[in-house]
Protein backbone atom coordinates (compact mmCIF):
# COMPACT_ATOMS: atom_id res chain seq x y z
CA UNK A 1 14.11 16.19 6.70
CA UNK A 2 10.82 17.13 5.11
CA UNK A 3 8.40 20.07 5.36
CA UNK A 4 5.07 20.32 3.57
CA UNK A 5 4.83 23.36 1.30
CA UNK A 6 1.57 24.33 3.00
CA UNK A 7 3.54 24.79 6.22
CA UNK A 8 6.32 27.03 4.88
CA UNK A 9 4.79 30.20 6.31
CA UNK A 10 4.51 28.68 9.78
CA UNK A 11 8.12 27.50 9.62
CA UNK A 12 9.15 31.04 8.69
CA UNK A 13 7.08 32.61 11.47
CA UNK A 14 4.59 34.14 9.02
CA UNK A 15 1.38 32.31 9.91
CA UNK A 16 -0.61 34.00 12.70
CA UNK A 17 -2.59 30.80 13.27
CA UNK A 18 0.34 28.37 13.45
CA UNK A 19 3.54 29.45 15.20
CA UNK A 20 7.07 28.41 14.24
CA UNK A 21 7.43 26.76 17.66
CA UNK A 22 4.32 24.68 17.09
CA UNK A 23 5.50 23.74 13.61
CA UNK A 24 8.79 22.52 15.07
CA UNK A 25 6.80 20.17 17.32
CA UNK A 26 4.79 18.95 14.31
CA UNK A 27 7.96 18.39 12.27
CA UNK A 28 9.61 16.58 15.16
CA UNK A 29 6.56 14.31 15.39
CA UNK A 30 6.78 13.58 11.67
CA UNK A 31 10.36 12.39 12.04
CA UNK A 32 10.24 10.84 15.55
CA UNK A 33 6.62 9.77 16.03
CA UNK A 34 7.02 7.34 18.95
CA UNK A 35 9.44 9.57 20.83
CA UNK A 36 7.18 12.62 20.55
CA UNK A 37 4.06 10.62 21.46
CA UNK A 38 5.77 9.41 24.65
CA UNK A 39 6.96 12.94 25.35
CA UNK A 40 3.40 14.25 25.13
CA UNK A 41 2.12 11.40 27.32
CA UNK A 42 4.77 12.22 29.95
CA UNK A 43 3.57 15.83 29.96
CA UNK A 44 -0.15 14.98 30.19
CA UNK A 45 -0.87 16.25 26.68
CA UNK A 46 -2.19 12.79 25.80
CA UNK A 47 -4.03 10.74 28.46
CA UNK A 48 -5.98 7.45 28.56
CA UNK A 49 -9.63 7.72 27.59
CA UNK A 50 -12.08 7.43 30.47
CA UNK A 51 -15.63 6.73 29.36
CA UNK A 52 -16.99 6.54 25.82
CA UNK A 53 -15.73 8.06 22.60
CA UNK A 54 -18.34 9.16 20.07
CA UNK A 55 -16.04 10.63 17.42
CA UNK A 56 -16.70 7.79 14.94
CA UNK A 57 -20.46 8.18 15.41
CA UNK A 58 -20.11 11.91 14.77
CA UNK A 59 -18.07 11.24 11.63
CA UNK A 60 -20.63 8.79 10.27
CA UNK A 61 -23.45 11.28 10.81
CA UNK A 62 -21.47 14.04 9.10
CA UNK A 63 -20.79 11.80 6.09
CA UNK A 64 -24.47 10.78 5.84
CA UNK A 65 -25.89 14.30 6.15
CA UNK A 66 -23.40 16.18 3.96
CA UNK A 67 -24.97 16.98 0.55
CA UNK A 68 -23.07 16.30 -2.66
CA UNK A 69 -23.05 19.99 -3.57
CA UNK A 70 -23.10 22.92 -1.13
CA UNK A 71 -21.63 26.37 -0.55
CA UNK A 72 -20.79 28.58 2.43
CA UNK A 73 -24.37 29.84 2.68
CA UNK A 74 -25.46 26.27 3.47
CA UNK A 75 -23.11 25.80 6.45
CA UNK A 76 -25.64 26.79 9.13
CA UNK A 77 -28.38 24.50 7.80
CA UNK A 78 -26.01 21.53 7.48
CA UNK A 79 -24.63 22.09 10.97
CA UNK A 80 -28.14 22.14 12.50
CA UNK A 81 -29.09 18.94 10.68
CA UNK A 82 -25.96 17.14 11.88
CA UNK A 83 -26.59 18.18 15.49
CA UNK A 84 -30.23 17.07 15.19
CA UNK A 85 -29.24 13.64 13.85
CA UNK A 86 -26.59 13.21 16.50
CA UNK A 87 -29.02 13.96 19.33
CA UNK A 88 -31.44 11.47 17.84
CA UNK A 89 -28.70 8.80 17.63
CA UNK A 90 -27.73 9.45 21.24
CA UNK A 91 -31.39 9.37 22.39
CA UNK A 92 -30.91 12.92 23.73
CA UNK A 93 -28.49 11.58 26.36
CA UNK A 94 -25.54 13.55 24.96
CA UNK A 95 -23.63 16.08 27.06
CA UNK A 96 -23.25 19.72 26.12
CA UNK A 97 -19.51 19.10 25.71
CA UNK A 98 -20.28 16.45 23.09
CA UNK A 99 -22.44 18.87 21.13
CA UNK A 100 -19.85 21.64 21.26
CA UNK A 101 -17.17 19.23 20.07
CA UNK A 102 -19.44 18.05 17.26
CA UNK A 103 -20.07 21.65 16.16
CA UNK A 104 -16.35 22.42 16.22
CA UNK A 105 -15.44 19.37 14.16
CA UNK A 106 -18.34 19.97 11.76
CA UNK A 107 -17.33 23.58 11.10
CA UNK A 108 -13.74 22.55 10.47
CA UNK A 109 -14.72 19.78 8.06
CA UNK A 110 -17.24 21.98 6.24
CA UNK A 111 -14.56 24.54 5.48
CA UNK A 112 -12.19 21.89 4.19
CA UNK A 113 -14.77 19.94 2.16
CA UNK A 114 -16.27 23.12 0.70
CA UNK A 115 -12.79 24.24 -0.30
CA UNK A 116 -12.21 20.97 -2.15
CA UNK A 117 -15.63 21.16 -3.82
CA UNK A 118 -15.32 24.78 -4.95
CA UNK A 119 -11.78 24.11 -6.17
CA UNK A 120 -13.14 21.37 -8.46
CA UNK A 121 -15.91 23.68 -9.71
CA UNK A 122 -13.56 26.55 -10.57
CA UNK A 123 -11.03 24.25 -12.26
CA UNK A 124 -13.79 22.83 -14.47
CA UNK A 125 -15.43 26.21 -15.15
CA UNK A 126 -12.17 27.99 -16.06
CA UNK A 127 -10.72 24.96 -17.87
CA UNK A 128 -7.63 24.98 -15.66
CA UNK A 129 -5.33 21.96 -15.67
CA UNK A 130 -6.05 19.88 -12.57
CA UNK A 131 -3.17 19.45 -10.12
CA UNK A 132 -3.05 17.35 -6.93
CA UNK A 133 -1.92 14.35 -8.97
CA UNK A 134 1.82 14.34 -8.32
CA UNK A 135 4.25 15.24 -5.55
CA UNK A 136 6.87 17.87 -6.31
CA UNK A 137 9.96 18.58 -4.22
CA UNK A 138 12.62 21.24 -3.79
CA UNK A 139 15.84 20.93 -1.79
CA UNK A 140 16.41 23.88 0.54
CA UNK A 141 19.53 22.20 1.93
CA UNK A 142 21.19 18.88 1.26
CA UNK A 143 19.07 17.29 3.99
CA UNK A 144 16.09 19.66 4.05
CA UNK A 145 13.29 19.27 1.48
CA UNK A 146 9.95 20.97 0.90
CA UNK A 147 7.23 19.20 -1.06
CA UNK A 148 3.58 19.03 -1.96
CA UNK A 149 0.88 18.87 -4.65
CA UNK A 150 -0.24 22.10 -6.32
CA UNK A 151 -3.92 22.86 -6.95
CA UNK A 152 -3.90 23.65 -10.66
CA UNK A 153 -2.20 25.44 -13.52
CA UNK A 154 -3.26 27.73 -16.35
CA UNK A 155 -0.84 27.40 -19.26
CA UNK A 156 2.51 28.13 -17.58
CA UNK A 157 0.98 29.73 -14.48
CA UNK A 158 0.93 27.77 -11.23
CA UNK A 159 -2.34 28.42 -9.38
CA UNK A 160 -3.03 28.26 -5.65
CA UNK A 161 -6.82 28.21 -5.15
CA UNK A 162 -8.30 29.52 -1.90
CA UNK A 163 -11.98 29.32 -0.96
CA UNK A 164 -13.09 32.11 1.37
CA UNK A 165 -15.88 31.53 3.88
CA UNK A 166 -16.56 35.26 4.35
CA UNK A 167 -16.32 38.24 1.97
CA UNK A 168 -13.93 40.03 4.34
CA UNK A 169 -11.57 37.04 4.05
CA UNK A 170 -10.93 37.88 0.41
CA UNK A 171 -7.54 39.44 1.09
CA UNK A 172 -3.79 39.05 0.85
CA UNK A 173 -2.33 36.56 3.32
CA UNK A 174 1.39 35.99 3.74
CA UNK A 175 0.82 32.29 4.34
CA UNK A 176 -0.96 31.90 0.99
CA UNK A 177 1.84 33.74 -0.79
CA UNK A 178 4.55 31.62 0.87
CA UNK A 179 2.69 28.48 -0.17
CA UNK A 180 2.46 29.64 -3.79
CA UNK A 181 6.19 30.45 -3.84
CA UNK A 182 6.91 26.98 -2.46
CA UNK A 183 5.05 25.40 -5.36
CA UNK A 184 6.83 27.64 -7.87
CA UNK A 185 10.16 26.41 -6.51
CA UNK A 186 9.07 22.77 -6.45
CA UNK A 187 7.61 22.84 -9.99
CA UNK A 188 10.54 24.93 -11.27
CA UNK A 189 8.16 27.54 -12.66
CA UNK A 190 8.67 31.33 -12.41
CA UNK A 191 5.08 32.58 -12.43
CA UNK A 192 1.91 31.94 -10.50
CA UNK A 193 -1.23 33.46 -9.00
CA UNK A 194 -3.50 33.03 -6.02
CA UNK A 195 -7.10 32.48 -7.10
CA UNK A 196 -9.63 33.40 -4.39
CA UNK A 197 -13.20 32.15 -4.52
CA UNK A 198 -16.08 33.55 -2.50
CA UNK A 199 -19.71 32.70 -3.17
CA UNK A 200 -18.67 31.30 -6.58
CA UNK A 201 -17.06 34.64 -7.52
CA UNK A 202 -13.43 34.56 -8.64
CA UNK A 203 -10.73 37.04 -7.64
CA UNK A 204 -7.73 36.51 -9.90
CA UNK A 205 -6.32 39.79 -11.24
CA UNK A 206 -2.86 40.18 -12.73
CA UNK A 207 -2.57 43.51 -10.93
CA UNK A 208 -1.67 44.18 -7.31
CA UNK A 209 -4.47 45.55 -5.12
CA UNK A 210 -5.41 45.75 -1.45
CA UNK A 211 -6.90 42.25 -1.64
CA UNK A 212 -4.72 40.57 -4.31
CA UNK A 213 -1.01 39.99 -4.95
CA UNK A 214 -1.60 39.87 -8.69
CA UNK A 215 0.83 38.01 -10.93
CA UNK A 216 3.79 36.68 -8.93
CA UNK A 217 7.03 36.31 -10.92
CA UNK A 218 9.85 35.08 -8.69
CA UNK A 219 12.48 36.10 -11.27
CA UNK A 220 11.61 39.76 -10.66
CA UNK A 221 11.42 42.08 -7.66
CA UNK A 222 9.97 42.25 -5.10
CA UNK A 223 9.35 38.50 -5.39
CA UNK A 224 12.98 37.47 -6.01
CA UNK A 225 14.06 39.12 -2.76
CA UNK A 226 11.20 37.43 -0.90
CA UNK A 227 12.25 34.04 -2.28
CA UNK A 228 15.79 34.70 -1.01
CA UNK A 229 14.47 35.50 2.46
CA UNK A 230 12.18 32.46 2.53
CA UNK A 231 15.06 30.15 1.61
CA UNK A 232 17.25 31.63 4.36
CA UNK A 233 14.46 31.26 6.91
CA UNK A 234 13.91 27.65 5.91
CA UNK A 235 17.67 26.94 6.18
CA UNK A 236 17.49 28.14 9.78
CA UNK A 237 14.32 26.14 10.39
CA UNK A 238 15.91 22.90 9.20
CA UNK A 239 18.94 23.59 11.39
CA UNK A 240 16.67 23.95 14.43
CA UNK A 241 14.74 20.84 13.46
CA UNK A 242 17.93 18.81 13.07
CA UNK A 243 19.07 19.88 16.54
CA UNK A 244 15.68 18.98 17.98
CA UNK A 245 15.73 15.55 16.35
CA UNK A 246 19.22 14.88 17.69
CA UNK A 247 18.68 16.20 21.24
CA UNK A 248 14.93 15.87 21.92
CA UNK A 249 15.27 19.18 23.78
CA UNK A 250 11.99 20.95 23.00
CA UNK A 251 11.75 24.26 24.83
CA UNK A 252 8.31 25.54 23.85
CA UNK A 253 5.76 23.03 25.16
CA UNK A 254 4.17 25.31 27.76
CA UNK A 255 3.58 28.05 25.20
CA UNK A 256 2.46 25.74 22.37
CA UNK A 257 0.28 23.47 24.56
CA UNK A 258 -0.47 25.43 27.76
CA UNK A 259 -1.30 23.29 30.77
CA UNK A 260 -4.80 24.76 30.96
CA UNK A 261 -5.79 23.17 27.61
CA UNK A 262 -4.26 19.74 28.25
CA UNK A 263 -4.98 17.03 27.31
CA UNK A 264 -5.26 17.62 23.56
CA UNK A 265 -6.20 14.02 22.86
CA UNK A 266 -7.18 10.73 24.47
CA UNK A 267 -5.63 7.29 24.01
CA UNK A 268 -7.96 4.42 23.16
CA UNK A 269 -6.45 1.08 22.08
CA UNK A 270 -3.23 2.84 21.02
CA UNK A 271 -5.18 5.32 18.89
CA UNK A 272 -5.70 9.02 19.61
CA UNK A 273 -9.39 9.97 19.75
CA UNK A 274 -11.45 13.03 20.57
CA UNK A 275 -8.48 15.26 19.78
CA UNK A 276 -8.37 19.02 20.04
CA UNK A 277 -9.07 20.16 16.48
CA UNK A 278 -6.36 22.82 16.71
CA UNK A 279 -3.74 20.08 16.98
CA UNK A 280 -4.93 17.69 14.27
CA UNK A 281 -1.82 18.58 12.24
CA UNK A 282 0.27 17.16 15.08
CA UNK A 283 -1.85 14.22 16.18
CA UNK A 284 -2.08 12.74 12.67
CA UNK A 285 1.46 11.39 13.13
CA UNK A 286 0.41 9.16 16.04
């Protein structure tokens, strides 16, 4: 069984945006894709597409409009230009639902693409060693493995780089810390830091503050105790996942995908299109 390091916090119930119950569904889909897809179809979470799908058109417009270099302050201007181009492509025959979907997808992609761009800038500027070039793994149990690619390193420090869209988002997040610890375990390194970037300003102190964890050394307290707790939580998670894989008895569907928001995706020629952006982590396995 496998869990991405970026999802450790969710698996441990420490991500306010991604519950443990939802992560179990995602992990189940990773290991039993066809079974989970049929399960979601049976429960009207995935339904046949009626009408046209414009997601590929939206993606092409996004790719054409997106500048090579941009920052968070440019998000609004880029979004308006994408909407303008889309309306032109659709001859102003688009529905309001199409536009709202386009805005939602655009905002999500801008955050991700800006994060990747600013990460490259800071690595070059600070002369960090580029990561993301190799998978690293760590066995939590004999059959349960975490893995992923770290962002960068600075000498013997493992770095987790986070781009913040707003100044108030420069803060300590449990899910960022759990991710960093996962990489420390996988790379077999004791020390690391979370580097936060906002408006090209770097937050990367060795000292603990209200907005930074400082230098994390998992051989010392309080980090060693946290590592112990994370491992125990992941052991329990893999036990639950193994039971789910063996029984297909998933108990949380109505809370994870309430009936009022179904469907979360549409089936077109065996592909899932026009998916709910909040469930892209799940739908990617179909």
